[in-house]
Amino acid sequence: MVLVVLGVAVFVLALAVVGLFAMMGELASRVPDPDQLGIDPTLLPVEEARLGTTPADWPAELAPVRDADRAYLLVFSSICSTCAQIASGSTGPLDQLQPPVGAVISCPTPEAGAEFLDKHPMVGDYPHLIDVGGAWLADTLGVRMTPSVLVFERGTLRSAHTFTSAAALSNLPEPGHEHEPGHGPESGHGEEAHVHVAKAKAAKGVG
């Protein structure tokens, strides 16, 4: 009986964590009008990501990302509609990034992750990890937002951005260059711009 209760509790917790991933993805898709804010709303830094982290425990499925001089991870949630749109190819092909590219699917159960891959074979073509409860992403990298793209150099996380269109991946800034000319506050990509985004969200009642 105790095992049944614990099993239900773990399932509910996993569902809640993945629900958070999905909610953050939906909020990312509701960023205000770029003409009003002077920013590109399709590509914003994930502030909570632990940049500079080199995971001690890499899943075997993501070895090509771990071992490369430069590699990318696309992060999706199985219950995020924005993720589904991008993964289906409706916002453009995912080949905007130079390989190696991997994918992580945050999901409440392994079955939900497998179903997401079945529905979106374009994602399954990449080395991929089904991350139940988003545990590896959150615990190791501090990443809880989907969809997002993570940039690694020799296994170290160098940058993390949310994105709402596959086409935006071609505009991904070089790691550490977000605040250089063309990406700084003058062009609306710096800290000041994100303060404006937060204020605009609050004014519109977005959490």
Protein backbone atom coordinates (compact mmCIF):
# COMPACT_ATOMS: atom_id res chain seq x y z
CA MET A 1 0.00 0.00 0.00
CA VAL A 2 2.83 2.37 0.90
CA LEU A 3 4.49 1.69 -2.43
CA VAL A 4 1.26 2.50 -4.28
CA VAL A 5 0.92 5.81 -2.42
CA LEU A 6 4.56 6.68 -3.11
CA GLY A 7 4.13 5.77 -6.77
CA VAL A 8 1.10 8.04 -7.11
CA ALA A 9 2.94 10.84 -5.34
CA VAL A 10 5.93 10.56 -7.66
CA PHE A 11 3.66 10.56 -10.71
CA VAL A 12 1.79 13.66 -9.52
CA LEU A 13 5.08 15.44 -8.80
CA ALA A 14 6.44 14.59 -12.24
CA LEU A 15 3.24 15.83 -13.86
CA ALA A 16 3.47 19.08 -11.90
CA VAL A 17 7.09 19.68 -12.94
CA VAL A 18 6.37 19.00 -16.60
CA GLY A 19 3.30 21.22 -16.34
CA LEU A 20 5.61 23.99 -15.17
CA PHE A 21 7.81 23.44 -18.24
CA ALA A 22 4.74 23.70 -20.46
CA MET A 23 3.44 26.80 -18.69
CA MET A 24 6.76 28.59 -19.08
CA GLY A 25 6.76 27.66 -22.77
CA GLU A 26 3.31 29.13 -23.22
CA LEU A 27 4.35 32.34 -21.44
CA ALA A 28 7.38 32.61 -23.71
CA SER A 29 5.04 32.61 -26.71
CA ARG A 30 3.05 35.54 -25.26
CA VAL A 31 5.87 38.10 -25.11
CA PRO A 32 4.54 41.59 -26.05
CA ASP A 33 4.74 43.23 -29.48
CA PRO A 34 8.43 43.67 -30.48
CA ASP A 35 7.61 46.99 -32.17
CA GLN A 36 6.62 48.33 -28.77
CA LEU A 37 9.60 46.92 -26.89
CA GLY A 38 12.36 47.08 -29.48
CA ILE A 39 13.34 43.42 -29.03
CA ASP A 40 13.04 40.12 -30.84
CA PRO A 41 10.45 38.21 -28.78
CA THR A 42 11.27 34.91 -30.44
CA LEU A 43 14.70 34.57 -28.78
CA LEU A 44 15.27 35.53 -25.14
CA PRO A 45 17.86 34.36 -22.58
CA VAL A 46 16.86 31.82 -19.94
CA GLU A 47 17.97 33.81 -16.91
CA GLU A 48 17.82 30.84 -14.51
CA ALA A 49 20.15 28.62 -16.58
CA ARG A 50 23.39 27.73 -14.80
CA LEU A 51 25.82 28.97 -17.42
CA GLY A 52 29.32 27.60 -17.00
CA THR A 53 28.04 24.27 -15.66
CA THR A 54 29.72 21.10 -16.93
CA PRO A 55 27.39 18.22 -16.03
CA ALA A 56 29.14 15.42 -14.20
CA ASP A 57 26.44 12.97 -15.26
CA TRP A 58 25.62 13.12 -18.97
CA PRO A 59 22.95 10.74 -20.27
CA ALA A 60 24.47 8.30 -22.75
CA GLU A 61 21.93 9.39 -25.37
CA LEU A 62 23.50 12.87 -25.45
CA ALA A 63 27.14 11.79 -25.79
CA PRO A 64 27.51 13.55 -29.20
CA VAL A 65 26.59 16.85 -27.52
CA ARG A 66 28.85 16.23 -24.54
CA ASP A 67 31.91 15.45 -26.64
CA ALA A 68 31.71 18.19 -29.29
CA ASP A 69 33.65 21.45 -29.36
CA ARG A 70 30.31 23.20 -29.98
CA ALA A 71 26.89 21.55 -29.83
CA TYR A 72 23.24 22.39 -29.23
CA LEU A 73 20.32 20.93 -27.31
CA LEU A 74 16.73 21.66 -28.28
CA VAL A 75 14.46 21.38 -25.25
CA PHE A 76 10.76 20.56 -25.65
CA SER A 77 7.90 19.59 -23.36
CA SER A 78 5.40 16.92 -24.34
CA ILE A 79 2.51 19.09 -23.07
CA CYS A 80 3.59 22.46 -24.53
CA SER A 81 1.63 23.54 -27.63
CA THR A 82 4.41 25.91 -28.77
CA CYS A 83 6.85 22.99 -28.58
CA ALA A 84 4.51 20.87 -30.70
CA GLN A 85 4.25 23.59 -33.34
CA ILE A 86 8.02 23.94 -33.61
CA ALA A 87 8.65 20.19 -33.49
CA SER A 88 6.10 19.61 -36.25
CA GLY A 89 8.02 21.91 -38.59
CA SER A 90 5.20 24.45 -38.91
CA THR A 91 7.58 27.31 -37.97
CA GLY A 92 10.35 26.08 -40.26
CA PRO A 93 12.94 23.29 -40.34
CA LEU A 94 15.11 22.60 -37.32
CA ASP A 95 18.31 22.46 -39.36
CA GLN A 96 19.20 26.10 -38.63
CA LEU A 97 22.00 24.95 -36.29
CA GLN A 98 25.30 23.33 -37.18
CA PRO A 99 25.50 19.73 -35.92
CA PRO A 100 25.85 18.09 -33.56
CA VAL A 101 22.36 18.88 -32.30
CA GLY A 102 20.47 16.88 -29.69
CA ALA A 103 17.00 17.08 -28.20
CA VAL A 104 15.54 16.68 -24.73
CA ILE A 105 11.84 16.00 -24.22
CA SER A 106 10.54 16.84 -20.76
CA CYS A 107 7.50 14.68 -20.03
CA PRO A 108 5.42 13.30 -17.15
CA THR A 109 5.99 9.66 -18.19
CA PRO A 110 8.26 7.76 -20.59
CA GLU A 111 5.18 6.90 -22.64
CA ALA A 112 4.33 10.59 -23.07
CA GLY A 113 7.86 11.30 -24.26
CA ALA A 114 7.74 8.41 -26.74
CA GLU A 115 4.38 9.64 -28.04
CA PHE A 116 5.81 13.13 -28.59
CA LEU A 117 8.66 11.65 -30.63
CA ASP A 118 6.24 9.50 -32.65
CA LYS A 119 4.19 12.57 -33.52
CA HIS A 120 7.27 14.66 -34.37
CA PRO A 121 9.76 12.42 -36.19
CA MET A 122 11.88 15.46 -37.12
CA VAL A 123 12.91 15.65 -33.45
CA GLY A 124 13.52 11.92 -33.23
CA ASP A 125 16.11 12.17 -36.01
CA TYR A 126 18.45 13.84 -33.49
CA PRO A 127 20.15 12.13 -30.55
CA HIS A 128 17.50 12.55 -27.88
CA LEU A 129 16.72 12.08 -24.22
CA ILE A 130 13.28 11.46 -22.71
CA ASP A 131 13.64 13.43 -19.48
CA VAL A 132 10.84 12.29 -17.13
CA GLY A 133 9.73 15.18 -14.95
CA GLY A 134 12.39 17.39 -16.53
CA ALA A 135 14.68 16.08 -13.79
CA TRP A 136 18.01 16.12 -15.63
CA LEU A 137 17.44 19.56 -17.12
CA ALA A 138 16.25 21.19 -13.91
CA ASP A 139 18.60 19.51 -11.45
CA THR A 140 21.73 19.70 -13.59
CA LEU A 141 21.31 22.88 -15.64
CA GLY A 142 18.58 24.88 -13.89
CA VAL A 143 16.56 24.93 -17.12
CA ARG A 144 12.80 24.80 -16.67
CA MET A 145 11.58 26.71 -19.73
CA THR A 146 10.44 25.20 -23.00
CA PRO A 147 10.96 25.44 -25.83
CA SER A 148 14.58 26.44 -25.37
CA VAL A 149 17.93 25.98 -27.04
CA LEU A 150 21.10 25.32 -25.06
CA VAL A 151 24.61 25.89 -26.40
CA PHE A 152 27.48 23.73 -25.11
CA GLU A 153 31.22 24.00 -25.65
CA ARG A 154 33.15 20.84 -24.74
CA GLY A 155 30.28 19.78 -22.49
CA THR A 156 29.94 23.12 -20.68
CA LEU A 157 26.72 25.12 -20.88
CA ARG A 158 27.55 28.48 -22.45
CA SER A 159 24.14 29.97 -23.29
CA ALA A 160 20.43 29.21 -23.04
CA HIS A 161 17.56 30.91 -24.86
CA THR A 162 13.85 30.41 -25.26
CA PHE A 163 12.56 30.51 -28.83
CA THR A 164 9.11 30.49 -30.40
CA SER A 165 10.06 29.82 -34.03
CA ALA A 166 12.56 27.49 -35.64
CA ALA A 167 13.61 30.38 -37.87
CA ALA A 168 14.84 32.24 -34.77
CA LEU A 169 17.58 29.64 -34.30
CA SER A 170 19.52 31.17 -37.18
CA ASN A 171 19.79 34.38 -35.10
CA LEU A 172 21.15 32.70 -31.98
CA PRO A 173 23.96 34.94 -30.62
CA GLU A 174 27.39 33.57 -29.90
CA PRO A 175 27.78 32.50 -26.26
CA GLY A 176 28.78 35.48 -24.16
CA HIS A 177 27.99 37.97 -26.94
CA GLU A 178 24.43 38.79 -25.95
CA HIS A 179 25.47 42.20 -24.64
CA GLU A 180 27.91 43.19 -27.39
CA PRO A 181 26.93 45.76 -30.06
CA GLY A 182 23.79 44.51 -31.77
CA HIS A 183 22.73 42.56 -28.70
CA GLY A 184 23.08 45.08 -25.87
CA PRO A 185 20.61 47.48 -24.23
CA GLU A 186 20.89 49.90 -27.13
CA SER A 187 19.31 47.31 -29.43
CA GLY A 188 16.88 46.05 -26.80
CA HIS A 189 18.57 42.72 -26.03
CA GLY A 190 20.13 43.64 -22.69
CA GLU A 191 19.00 43.70 -19.09
CA GLU A 192 17.01 46.90 -19.53
CA ALA A 193 14.94 45.31 -22.29
CA HIS A 194 14.11 42.31 -20.09
CA VAL A 195 12.92 44.66 -17.35
CA HIS A 196 10.56 46.20 -19.91
CA VAL A 197 9.37 42.71 -20.90
CA ALA A 198 8.62 41.85 -17.28
CA LYS A 199 6.71 45.10 -16.77
CA ALA A 200 4.73 44.57 -19.95
CA LYS A 201 3.82 41.03 -18.88
CA ALA A 202 2.68 42.30 -15.51
CA ALA A 203 0.55 44.99 -17.12
CA LYS A 204 -1.14 42.37 -19.32
CA GLY A 205 -1.64 39.99 -16.41
CA VAL A 206 0.89 37.44 -17.70
CA GLY A 207 2.68 35.55 -14.89
